[in-house]
Amino acid sequence: MNSVLPGATRTEALAAGQPPAVVTQIAAQNPLRRLGEPDDIADIVAFLASDAARSLTGQTVHAGGGLF
């Protein structure tokens, strides 16, 4: 079984739970200088579910853009 460990991702929950200045600060700390998008995580999950990842087992994919 594989898993995906997303970092700070732009979601309604993040927007509702944090002031905009905090969200901007989190994005600035990320080496990619942005928050992850839900599609970023979905692409990784789709890859892991595809035949292209058939040899990957027991892996955790860190999808935090380098922050985590």
C-alpha atoms as a PDB file:
ATOM      1  CA  MET A   1       0.000   0.000   0.000  1.00  0.00           C
ATOM      2  CA  ASN A   2       1.238   3.471  -0.889  1.00  0.00           C
ATOM      3  CA  SER A   3       0.226   6.783   0.631  1.00  0.00           C
ATOM      4  CA  VAL A   4       0.368  10.472  -0.202  1.00  0.00           C
ATOM      5  CA  LEU A   5       1.402  13.013   2.421  1.00  0.00           C
ATOM      6  CA  PRO A   6       0.222  16.399   1.149  1.00  0.00           C
ATOM      7  CA  GLY A   7       1.653  19.584   2.494  1.00  0.00           C
ATOM      8  CA  ALA A   8      -0.194  22.880   2.762  1.00  0.00           C
ATOM      9  CA  THR A   9      -2.820  22.696   0.049  1.00  0.00           C
ATOM     10  CA  ARG A  10      -5.154  25.464  -1.077  1.00  0.00           C
ATOM     11  CA  THR A  11      -8.543  24.221   0.119  1.00  0.00           C
ATOM     12  CA  GLU A  12     -11.675  25.786   1.560  1.00  0.00           C
ATOM     13  CA  ALA A  13     -10.670  24.477   4.982  1.00  0.00           C
ATOM     14  CA  LEU A  14      -7.291  26.242   4.816  1.00  0.00           C
ATOM     15  CA  ALA A  15      -8.881  29.497   3.658  1.00  0.00           C
ATOM     16  CA  ALA A  16     -11.540  29.346   6.387  1.00  0.00           C
ATOM     17  CA  GLY A  17      -9.097  28.381   9.124  1.00  0.00           C
ATOM     18  CA  GLN A  18      -6.262  30.821   8.555  1.00  0.00           C
ATOM     19  CA  PRO A  19      -6.023  34.573   7.988  1.00  0.00           C
ATOM     20  CA  PRO A  20      -4.832  35.491   4.459  1.00  0.00           C
ATOM     21  CA  ALA A  21      -1.516  36.781   5.829  1.00  0.00           C
ATOM     22  CA  VAL A  22      -0.782  33.378   7.384  1.00  0.00           C
ATOM     23  CA  VAL A  23      -1.612  31.581   4.127  1.00  0.00           C
ATOM     24  CA  THR A  24       0.722  33.963   2.257  1.00  0.00           C
ATOM     25  CA  GLN A  25       3.477  33.295   4.814  1.00  0.00           C
ATOM     26  CA  ILE A  26       3.075  29.523   4.465  1.00  0.00           C
ATOM     27  CA  ALA A  27       3.333  29.815   0.678  1.00  0.00           C
ATOM     28  CA  ALA A  28       6.455  31.996   0.972  1.00  0.00           C
ATOM     29  CA  GLN A  29       8.187  29.343   3.118  1.00  0.00           C
ATOM     30  CA  ASN A  30       7.632  26.674   0.479  1.00  0.00           C
ATOM     31  CA  PRO A  31      10.589  26.208  -1.901  1.00  0.00           C
ATOM     32  CA  LEU A  32       8.096  26.390  -4.803  1.00  0.00           C
ATOM     33  CA  ARG A  33       6.807  29.693  -3.372  1.00  0.00           C
ATOM     34  CA  ARG A  34       3.198  28.561  -3.603  1.00  0.00           C
ATOM     35  CA  LEU A  35       0.640  26.410  -1.865  1.00  0.00           C
ATOM     36  CA  GLY A  36      -0.190  23.067  -3.332  1.00  0.00           C
ATOM     37  CA  GLU A  37      -3.380  22.809  -5.332  1.00  0.00           C
ATOM     38  CA  PRO A  38      -5.879  19.968  -5.002  1.00  0.00           C
ATOM     39  CA  ASP A  39      -5.054  18.963  -8.589  1.00  0.00           C
ATOM     40  CA  ASP A  40      -1.388  18.515  -7.592  1.00  0.00           C
ATOM     41  CA  ILE A  41      -2.414  15.886  -5.058  1.00  0.00           C
ATOM     42  CA  ALA A  42      -4.957  14.317  -7.419  1.00  0.00           C
ATOM     43  CA  ASP A  43      -2.251  13.876 -10.078  1.00  0.00           C
ATOM     44  CA  ILE A  44      -0.045  11.981  -7.629  1.00  0.00           C
ATOM     45  CA  VAL A  45      -2.916   9.762  -6.518  1.00  0.00           C
ATOM     46  CA  ALA A  46      -3.812   9.070 -10.160  1.00  0.00           C
ATOM     47  CA  PHE A  47      -0.202   8.104 -10.850  1.00  0.00           C
ATOM     48  CA  LEU A  48      -0.107   5.744  -7.874  1.00  0.00           C
ATOM     49  CA  ALA A  49      -3.353   4.142  -9.052  1.00  0.00           C
ATOM     50  CA  SER A  50      -2.020   3.676 -12.591  1.00  0.00           C
ATOM     51  CA  ASP A  51      -0.034   0.839 -14.121  1.00  0.00           C
ATOM     52  CA  ALA A  52       2.977   3.164 -14.247  1.00  0.00           C
ATOM     53  CA  ALA A  53       3.317   2.759 -10.462  1.00  0.00           C
ATOM     54  CA  ARG A  54       2.801  -1.015 -10.429  1.00  0.00           C
ATOM     55  CA  SER A  55       6.237  -1.637  -8.910  1.00  0.00           C
ATOM     56  CA  LEU A  56       5.897   0.900  -6.101  1.00  0.00           C
ATOM     57  CA  THR A  57       4.891  -0.668  -2.818  1.00  0.00           C
ATOM     58  CA  GLY A  58       4.932   0.613   0.719  1.00  0.00           C
ATOM     59  CA  GLN A  59       5.907   4.146  -0.254  1.00  0.00           C
ATOM     60  CA  THR A  60       4.850   7.479   1.175  1.00  0.00           C
ATOM     61  CA  VAL A  61       4.998  10.223  -1.420  1.00  0.00           C
ATOM     62  CA  HIS A  62       5.688  13.576   0.232  1.00  0.00           C
ATOM     63  CA  ALA A  63       3.730  16.133  -1.770  1.00  0.00           C
ATOM     64  CA  GLY A  64       4.561  19.282   0.138  1.00  0.00           C
ATOM     65  CA  GLY A  65       6.540  21.064  -2.548  1.00  0.00           C
ATOM     66  CA  GLY A  66       9.700  20.606  -0.495  1.00  0.00           C
ATOM     67  CA  LEU A  67       8.406  22.257   2.683  1.00  0.00           C
ATOM     68  CA  PHE A  68       7.770  19.049   4.653  1.00  0.00           C
END
